[in-house]
Amino acid sequence: MGNLIGLTQLMMGYNHFSGIIPSTFGKFQKMQKLVLSANQLSGHIGEFVGNLSQLFFLDMRTNMLEGHIPSSIGNCRKLQHLGLSQNKFTGTIPLEIFNISSLTNLLKLSQNSLSGSIPKEV
């Protein structure tokens, strides 16, 4: 899929896909909408997500993703919808998320294993 560098929308939700999200997704520099929700994806969201600077809709809810939410997601300055609920994310919420001024439609982080205090920036 890494060869589809001109792709602007990829919607693969509600399937039975498993495994990790390939780092080649970082080549999708024109990607605007990425939906991978309701699958069986595991592993981490790589720092590559920060390369998706045109992204306005990112939905990875209801998978088995784990580790920290990458701070590079703050590079997605056009992001309006961010759904990461119902995974196994740990650690604190990156402050960079709260610096995305376009994030106006949805921020869903529920049903994870996030910890720490809610940042005062909220």
Protein backbone atom coordinates (compact mmCIF):
# COMPACT_ATOMS: atom_id res chain seq x y z
CA MET A 1 0.00 0.00 0.00
CA GLY A 2 2.98 2.30 0.48
CA ASN A 3 3.04 2.79 -3.30
CA LEU A 4 -0.31 4.62 -3.22
CA ILE A 5 1.33 7.91 -2.27
CA GLY A 6 -1.33 10.05 -3.94
CA LEU A 7 -4.17 8.50 -1.95
CA THR A 8 -6.36 11.04 -0.13
CA GLN A 9 -8.83 8.69 1.60
CA LEU A 10 -8.42 5.16 2.93
CA MET A 11 -11.36 3.58 4.72
CA MET A 12 -10.81 0.01 5.93
CA GLY A 13 -12.93 -0.02 9.08
CA TYR A 14 -15.11 -2.85 10.36
CA ASN A 15 -13.13 -5.77 8.98
CA HIS A 16 -10.88 -8.40 10.51
CA PHE A 17 -7.50 -6.89 9.64
CA SER A 18 -4.77 -7.84 12.09
CA GLY A 19 -1.11 -7.05 12.56
CA ILE A 20 0.62 -3.71 12.80
CA ILE A 21 0.01 -0.49 10.90
CA PRO A 22 2.84 -0.42 8.35
CA SER A 23 5.29 2.47 8.64
CA THR A 24 4.87 2.91 4.86
CA PHE A 25 1.60 4.69 5.73
CA GLY A 26 3.90 7.62 6.48
CA LYS A 27 4.26 8.07 2.71
CA PHE A 28 0.60 9.09 2.44
CA GLN A 29 1.42 12.79 2.59
CA LYS A 30 -1.80 13.70 0.74
CA MET A 31 -4.00 11.56 3.01
CA GLN A 32 -6.99 13.49 4.34
CA LYS A 33 -9.16 10.74 5.81
CA LEU A 34 -7.85 7.51 7.35
CA VAL A 35 -10.28 5.03 8.92
CA LEU A 36 -8.92 1.80 10.38
CA SER A 37 -11.49 1.40 13.16
CA ALA A 38 -13.06 -1.85 14.36
CA ASN A 39 -10.37 -4.25 13.26
CA GLN A 40 -7.84 -6.30 15.18
CA LEU A 41 -4.80 -4.10 14.62
CA SER A 42 -2.06 -4.29 17.24
CA GLY A 43 1.26 -2.69 18.02
CA HIS A 44 1.99 1.01 18.17
CA ILE A 45 0.92 3.98 16.11
CA GLY A 46 4.28 4.94 14.69
CA GLU A 47 5.78 8.41 14.68
CA PHE A 48 5.06 8.33 10.94
CA VAL A 49 1.59 9.68 11.73
CA GLY A 50 3.22 13.10 11.99
CA ASN A 51 3.98 12.95 8.25
CA LEU A 52 0.25 12.97 7.45
CA SER A 53 0.06 16.75 7.53
CA GLN A 54 -3.09 16.94 5.35
CA LEU A 55 -5.08 14.61 7.59
CA PHE A 56 -8.38 16.02 8.89
CA PHE A 57 -10.06 12.74 9.94
CA LEU A 58 -8.28 9.91 11.78
CA ASP A 59 -10.25 7.02 13.26
CA MET A 60 -8.47 4.03 14.80
CA ARG A 61 -11.07 3.16 17.45
CA THR A 62 -11.78 -0.39 18.59
CA ASN A 63 -8.53 -2.17 17.87
CA MET A 64 -5.77 -3.56 20.06
CA LEU A 65 -3.30 -0.72 19.57
CA GLU A 66 -0.93 -0.16 22.49
CA GLY A 67 1.91 1.95 23.78
CA HIS A 68 1.95 5.72 23.92
CA ILE A 69 -0.03 7.98 21.64
CA PRO A 70 2.76 9.53 19.55
CA SER A 71 3.43 13.22 20.15
CA SER A 72 4.09 13.61 16.41
CA ILE A 73 0.31 13.55 15.93
CA GLY A 74 0.57 17.24 16.80
CA ASN A 75 2.01 17.79 13.30
CA CYS A 76 -1.43 17.01 11.86
CA ARG A 77 -2.46 20.67 12.00
CA LYS A 78 -5.66 20.16 9.95
CA LEU A 79 -7.02 17.36 12.14
CA GLN A 80 -10.69 17.85 13.07
CA HIS A 81 -11.66 14.31 14.15
CA LEU A 82 -9.45 12.04 16.26
CA GLY A 83 -10.88 8.73 17.44
CA LEU A 84 -8.52 6.49 19.43
CA SER A 85 -10.92 4.98 21.96
CA GLN A 86 -11.22 1.29 22.85
CA ASN A 87 -7.57 0.38 22.45
CA LYS A 88 -4.79 -0.38 24.93
CA PHE A 89 -2.94 2.95 24.93
CA THR A 90 -0.91 3.74 28.04
CA GLY A 91 0.91 6.76 29.40
CA THR A 92 -0.19 10.36 29.36
CA ILE A 93 -2.07 12.26 26.68
CA PRO A 94 0.51 14.13 24.58
CA LEU A 95 0.20 17.88 25.07
CA GLU A 96 0.68 18.29 21.32
CA ILE A 97 -2.89 17.06 20.79
CA PHE A 98 -4.21 20.09 22.66
CA ASN A 99 -2.25 22.43 20.40
CA ILE A 100 -4.16 21.32 17.29
CA SER A 101 -6.51 24.29 16.95
CA SER A 102 -8.48 22.63 14.13
CA LEU A 103 -9.50 19.71 16.41
CA THR A 104 -13.14 20.75 16.72
CA ASN A 105 -15.35 17.76 15.80
CA LEU A 106 -14.19 14.84 17.95
CA LEU A 107 -11.49 13.85 20.40
CA LYS A 108 -12.28 10.39 21.71
CA LEU A 109 -9.68 8.72 23.94
CA SER A 110 -12.00 6.72 26.21
CA GLN A 111 -11.60 3.06 27.13
CA ASN A 112 -7.81 2.93 27.09
CA SER A 113 -5.31 2.63 29.94
CA LEU A 114 -4.14 6.25 29.89
CA SER A 115 -2.70 7.61 33.11
CA GLY A 116 -1.42 10.76 34.73
CA SER A 117 -3.28 13.97 35.25
CA ILE A 118 -5.47 15.76 32.72
CA PRO A 119 -3.26 18.51 31.32
CA LYS A 120 -4.17 22.02 32.41
CA GLU A 121 -4.11 22.97 28.69
CA VAL A 122 -7.43 21.16 28.35
